[in-house]
Amino acid sequence: MPLPLKEPIRNIAVAWQKEEERPAAQALAGRLHLPLASERPEAAFLLCFCGGRLELQEVGPGKSGPLFVDFSSGKAAYRRLHGGGRHQPLARAVGLKKNRCPLVLDATAGLGRDAFVLASLGCTVRLMERSVILHALLEDGLRRGRNDPEIREIIARMSLVCGDALHTKKGAEAPEVIYLDPMYPHRSKSSLVKKEMRQTRALVGDDEDADALLYWAFSCCPGRVVVKRPKEAPFLGNKKPPLLIKGKTSRFDVYFPGRCKALPDNQ
């Protein structure tokens, strides 16, 4: 069954490196209604099956390196082993306690890095991603993670759906925490943004409905809503949270829907 698209996707095609990867590439192209690279040689991006994993590759002069989801090594492994455990800002923001691992809905899953951290700390995490491209990369990363004996138990606590939270019916089991990490605002400085953010923005645009996501999260009546923001970014919906937890480059705005009837106004 084809996945729903947030919006028409342009300048992207599906490719493969080895012949044995052709069937998977053709199946993905059909599922996402995307052409194969041979049908669109001018594509600016490729979703390429390469060496056993799915990569998003930029094409042309000045291209960045490939983008892929890897929970076994790199940044994910470092955060799992050296990220500070339950004392790190993310864990404190979602309310992790010694004997409490809440059910978390990550409604803007992206590349799944924060969701993996929470799952590694014992949380059951539902990942929701509305970009079919990011969803495909996440799906591939989870598939490979299930085959890694070191993290398969963590991956088992993560489930993934492709969908837009604003157009999704509430599930039977309500999450205790809703986590939101919408696309960061454009920077005014001339320095380049991170590769991941630049490539993601090129594919899916900005989260212009981020304020609406906050109100949607409140309507679900979880115990808390956590919003990840740049340190100096304005509050979503211009609503000041009752709790702020700051990290090195980001902050977490924490709201408690059950403790108030409406979002507090920013004073």
Protein backbone atom coordinates (compact mmCIF):
# COMPACT_ATOMS: atom_id res chain seq x y z
CA MET A 1 0.00 0.00 0.00
CA PRO A 2 1.55 3.37 -0.97
CA LEU A 3 2.51 5.65 1.89
CA PRO A 4 0.78 9.04 2.15
CA LEU A 5 2.83 12.01 1.01
CA LYS A 6 3.09 15.25 2.94
CA GLU A 7 3.49 17.03 -0.39
CA PRO A 8 4.72 16.14 -3.91
CA ILE A 9 8.39 15.17 -3.84
CA ARG A 10 10.57 16.54 -6.61
CA ASN A 11 14.14 15.99 -7.80
CA ILE A 12 14.61 12.65 -6.07
CA ALA A 13 15.02 9.16 -7.49
CA VAL A 14 15.75 5.66 -6.19
CA ALA A 15 18.96 3.82 -7.01
CA TRP A 16 21.00 0.78 -6.00
CA GLN A 17 24.67 -0.11 -5.92
CA LYS A 18 24.69 -3.89 -6.22
CA GLU A 19 22.47 -5.96 -8.46
CA GLU A 20 21.07 -7.92 -5.52
CA GLU A 21 19.72 -4.62 -4.14
CA ARG A 22 17.67 -3.93 -7.26
CA PRO A 23 14.44 -5.65 -6.02
CA ALA A 24 14.43 -3.63 -2.78
CA ALA A 25 15.04 -0.41 -4.72
CA GLN A 26 12.27 -1.12 -7.19
CA ALA A 27 9.86 -1.99 -4.37
CA LEU A 28 10.67 1.25 -2.52
CA ALA A 29 10.28 3.31 -5.69
CA GLY A 30 6.84 1.80 -6.26
CA ARG A 31 5.78 2.32 -2.66
CA LEU A 32 6.80 5.99 -2.64
CA HIS A 33 5.76 6.73 -6.23
CA LEU A 34 9.32 7.77 -7.08
CA PRO A 35 11.18 7.18 -10.33
CA LEU A 36 14.31 5.07 -10.62
CA ALA A 37 17.58 6.91 -11.23
CA SER A 38 17.63 5.68 -14.81
CA GLU A 39 14.29 7.41 -15.38
CA ARG A 40 15.34 10.73 -13.82
CA PRO A 41 19.06 11.34 -14.48
CA GLU A 42 18.73 15.01 -13.45
CA ALA A 43 17.62 14.17 -9.88
CA ALA A 44 19.17 16.32 -7.15
CA PHE A 45 18.90 13.54 -4.55
CA LEU A 46 19.08 9.76 -4.65
CA LEU A 47 17.61 7.27 -2.20
CA CYS A 48 20.26 4.63 -2.76
CA PHE A 49 20.64 1.10 -1.44
CA CYS A 50 24.35 1.05 -0.79
CA GLY A 51 26.35 -1.59 1.05
CA GLY A 52 23.36 -3.03 2.87
CA ARG A 53 21.81 0.25 3.98
CA LEU A 54 19.59 2.98 2.56
CA GLU A 55 21.25 6.37 2.05
CA LEU A 56 20.05 9.77 0.97
CA GLN A 57 22.72 11.01 -1.43
CA GLU A 58 23.06 14.51 -2.76
CA VAL A 59 24.02 14.79 -6.43
CA GLY A 60 26.11 17.44 -8.16
CA PRO A 61 28.93 19.90 -7.35
CA GLY A 62 29.40 20.77 -3.70
CA LYS A 63 27.42 17.75 -2.57
CA SER A 64 27.47 16.66 1.06
CA GLY A 65 28.15 13.15 2.26
CA PRO A 66 25.33 10.60 2.45
CA LEU A 67 22.62 10.78 5.09
CA PHE A 68 21.48 7.55 6.75
CA VAL A 69 20.19 6.22 10.05
CA ASP A 70 22.63 4.17 12.09
CA PHE A 71 21.78 3.28 15.68
CA SER A 72 24.74 0.90 16.11
CA SER A 73 27.67 3.30 15.81
CA GLY A 74 28.62 6.95 15.45
CA LYS A 75 26.67 9.59 17.38
CA ALA A 76 23.96 7.16 18.46
CA ALA A 77 26.46 4.78 20.05
CA TYR A 78 28.34 7.62 21.73
CA ARG A 79 25.17 9.06 23.25
CA ARG A 80 24.09 5.62 24.43
CA LEU A 81 27.42 4.96 26.13
CA HIS A 82 28.52 8.45 27.20
CA GLY A 83 25.44 10.70 27.00
CA GLY A 84 24.89 11.04 30.73
CA GLY A 85 22.14 8.46 31.23
CA ARG A 86 19.11 9.66 33.13
CA HIS A 87 20.89 12.82 34.24
CA GLN A 88 21.01 14.28 30.71
CA PRO A 89 18.58 17.11 29.88
CA LEU A 90 16.43 14.99 27.54
CA ALA A 91 15.84 12.33 30.19
CA ARG A 92 14.99 14.94 32.83
CA ALA A 93 12.62 16.69 30.44
CA VAL A 94 10.49 13.59 29.80
CA GLY A 95 10.41 12.81 33.52
CA LEU A 96 12.54 9.69 33.72
CA LYS A 97 12.86 8.46 37.28
CA LYS A 98 14.59 5.48 38.85
CA ASN A 99 11.54 3.25 38.51
CA ARG A 100 9.59 5.19 35.90
CA CYS A 101 9.98 4.84 32.12
CA PRO A 102 7.02 6.61 30.50
CA LEU A 103 5.44 5.70 27.18
CA VAL A 104 6.61 8.42 24.78
CA LEU A 105 5.19 9.50 21.45
CA ASP A 106 7.85 11.21 19.35
CA ALA A 107 5.53 13.00 16.94
CA THR A 108 8.36 14.52 14.85
CA ALA A 109 10.76 11.57 14.73
CA GLY A 110 13.17 12.90 12.07
CA LEU A 111 16.28 10.69 12.16
CA GLY A 112 15.20 9.07 15.43
CA ARG A 113 18.22 10.03 17.51
CA ASP A 114 16.39 11.33 20.59
CA ALA A 115 13.90 8.47 20.37
CA PHE A 116 16.79 6.00 20.45
CA VAL A 117 18.26 7.70 23.51
CA LEU A 118 14.94 7.42 25.33
CA ALA A 119 14.53 3.77 24.31
CA SER A 120 18.07 3.03 25.49
CA LEU A 121 17.07 4.43 28.89
CA GLY A 122 14.09 2.06 29.08
CA CYS A 123 11.21 4.03 27.55
CA THR A 124 8.82 2.55 25.05
CA VAL A 125 8.83 5.02 22.17
CA ARG A 126 6.42 5.39 19.29
CA LEU A 127 7.99 7.26 16.39
CA MET A 128 5.80 9.20 13.98
CA GLU A 129 7.26 10.79 10.87
CA ARG A 130 5.26 12.45 8.10
CA SER A 131 8.06 12.68 5.54
CA VAL A 132 8.09 9.45 3.57
CA ILE A 133 11.78 9.96 2.80
CA LEU A 134 12.78 10.25 6.45
CA HIS A 135 10.39 7.42 7.28
CA ALA A 136 12.16 5.17 4.77
CA LEU A 137 15.57 6.01 6.24
CA LEU A 138 14.28 5.36 9.76
CA GLU A 139 12.66 2.10 8.73
CA ASP A 140 15.96 0.92 7.28
CA GLY A 141 17.89 1.97 10.38
CA LEU A 142 15.51 0.07 12.64
CA ARG A 143 15.72 -3.00 10.40
CA ARG A 144 19.50 -3.07 10.67
CA GLY A 145 19.34 -2.35 14.40
CA ARG A 146 17.19 -5.44 14.98
CA ASN A 147 20.05 -7.54 13.59
CA ASP A 148 22.61 -6.06 16.00
CA PRO A 149 22.73 -8.15 19.19
CA GLU A 150 24.10 -5.19 21.15
CA ILE A 151 21.07 -2.94 20.57
CA ARG A 152 18.24 -5.21 19.41
CA GLU A 153 16.63 -5.08 22.86
CA ILE A 154 16.58 -1.27 22.62
CA ILE A 155 15.17 -1.33 19.09
CA ALA A 156 12.39 -3.63 20.30
CA ARG A 157 11.08 -0.75 22.40
CA MET A 158 10.75 1.46 19.29
CA SER A 159 7.84 1.34 16.83
CA LEU A 160 7.47 3.46 13.70
CA VAL A 161 4.52 4.78 11.72
CA CYS A 162 4.36 7.12 8.76
CA GLY A 163 1.82 9.82 9.41
CA ASP A 164 1.08 13.41 10.30
CA ALA A 165 0.14 13.87 13.95
CA LEU A 166 -2.27 16.67 13.04
CA HIS A 167 -4.27 14.25 10.89
CA THR A 168 -3.98 11.11 12.98
CA LYS A 169 -6.70 9.65 15.15
CA LYS A 170 -5.82 9.21 18.81
CA GLY A 171 -4.71 5.68 19.67
CA ALA A 172 -6.30 3.42 22.22
CA GLU A 173 -3.32 3.75 24.58
CA ALA A 174 -2.53 7.41 25.20
CA PRO A 175 1.15 8.29 25.59
CA GLU A 176 2.33 9.64 28.92
CA VAL A 177 4.68 12.06 27.16
CA ILE A 178 4.44 13.69 23.74
CA TYR A 179 7.80 14.82 22.41
CA LEU A 180 8.07 17.47 19.69
CA ASP A 181 11.23 18.49 17.86
CA PRO A 182 10.01 20.58 14.90
CA MET A 183 12.38 21.92 12.26
CA TYR A 184 14.53 24.65 13.75
CA PRO A 185 14.00 28.18 12.44
CA HIS A 186 16.28 29.52 9.71
CA ARG A 187 19.51 30.93 11.11
CA SER A 188 20.27 34.58 10.53
CA LYS A 189 24.01 33.94 10.67
CA SER A 190 25.95 33.22 7.50
CA SER A 191 27.43 29.95 8.75
CA LEU A 192 26.05 26.82 7.15
CA VAL A 193 23.55 24.77 9.10
CA LYS A 194 24.25 21.12 9.75
CA LYS A 195 24.20 18.79 6.77
CA GLU A 196 21.26 16.84 8.17
CA MET A 197 19.12 19.94 8.67
CA ARG A 198 19.99 21.42 5.30
CA GLN A 199 19.20 18.22 3.42
CA THR A 200 16.02 17.60 5.40
CA ARG A 201 14.79 21.14 4.81
CA ALA A 202 15.50 20.79 1.08
CA LEU A 203 13.25 17.73 0.98
CA VAL A 204 10.39 18.53 3.34
CA GLY A 205 10.55 22.29 3.94
CA ASP A 206 9.99 24.01 7.27
CA ASP A 207 7.51 22.91 9.92
CA GLU A 208 5.24 25.91 9.45
CA ASP A 209 2.53 24.23 11.53
CA ALA A 210 4.76 23.73 14.57
CA ASP A 211 2.51 25.93 16.73
CA ALA A 212 -0.48 23.79 15.77
CA LEU A 213 1.48 20.70 16.84
CA LEU A 214 1.75 22.10 20.35
CA TYR A 215 -2.01 22.62 20.60
CA TRP A 216 -2.61 19.17 19.14
CA ALA A 217 -0.33 17.66 21.78
CA PHE A 218 -2.27 19.41 24.54
CA SER A 219 -5.55 18.09 23.11
CA CYS A 220 -4.24 14.54 23.63
CA CYS A 221 -4.02 15.21 27.40
CA PRO A 222 -0.69 13.51 28.14
CA GLY A 223 1.05 13.94 31.48
CA ARG A 224 3.59 16.23 29.85
CA VAL A 225 4.50 17.73 26.50
CA VAL A 226 8.18 18.29 25.78
CA VAL A 227 9.35 20.62 23.01
CA LYS A 228 12.98 20.74 21.91
CA ARG A 229 14.08 24.18 20.75
CA PRO A 230 17.29 26.11 20.06
CA LYS A 231 18.36 27.99 23.16
CA GLU A 232 17.34 31.41 21.86
CA ALA A 233 14.30 30.37 19.77
CA PRO A 234 10.86 31.75 20.67
CA PHE A 235 8.38 29.50 22.44
CA LEU A 236 5.99 27.59 20.22
CA GLY A 237 2.68 29.43 20.01
CA ASN A 238 4.33 32.20 22.03
CA LYS A 239 3.43 30.16 25.12
CA LYS A 240 5.84 30.16 28.01
CA PRO A 241 6.27 26.71 29.59
CA PRO A 242 6.24 26.21 33.36
CA LEU A 243 9.55 24.31 33.18
CA LEU A 244 12.69 24.94 31.11
CA ILE A 245 15.60 22.50 30.99
CA LYS A 246 18.67 23.76 29.16
CA GLY A 247 21.34 21.78 27.36
CA LYS A 248 24.53 22.95 25.66
CA THR A 249 22.91 24.08 22.40
CA SER A 250 19.22 23.36 22.91
CA ARG A 251 16.56 23.70 25.55
CA PHE A 252 13.52 21.62 26.43
CA ASP A 253 10.22 23.42 27.08
CA VAL A 254 8.10 21.26 29.36
CA TYR A 255 4.33 21.66 29.71
CA PHE A 256 1.92 19.78 31.98
CA PRO A 257 -1.51 19.70 30.25
CA GLY A 258 -3.19 17.91 33.13
CA ARG A 259 -2.35 20.72 35.57
CA CYS A 260 -4.00 23.54 33.67
CA LYS A 261 -7.06 24.07 31.50
CA ALA A 262 -5.27 26.04 28.82
CA LEU A 263 -1.82 26.94 27.65
CA PRO A 264 -0.38 29.77 29.75
CA ASP A 265 0.23 33.05 27.95
CA ASN A 266 3.79 34.18 27.57
CA GLN A 267 4.27 37.16 29.81
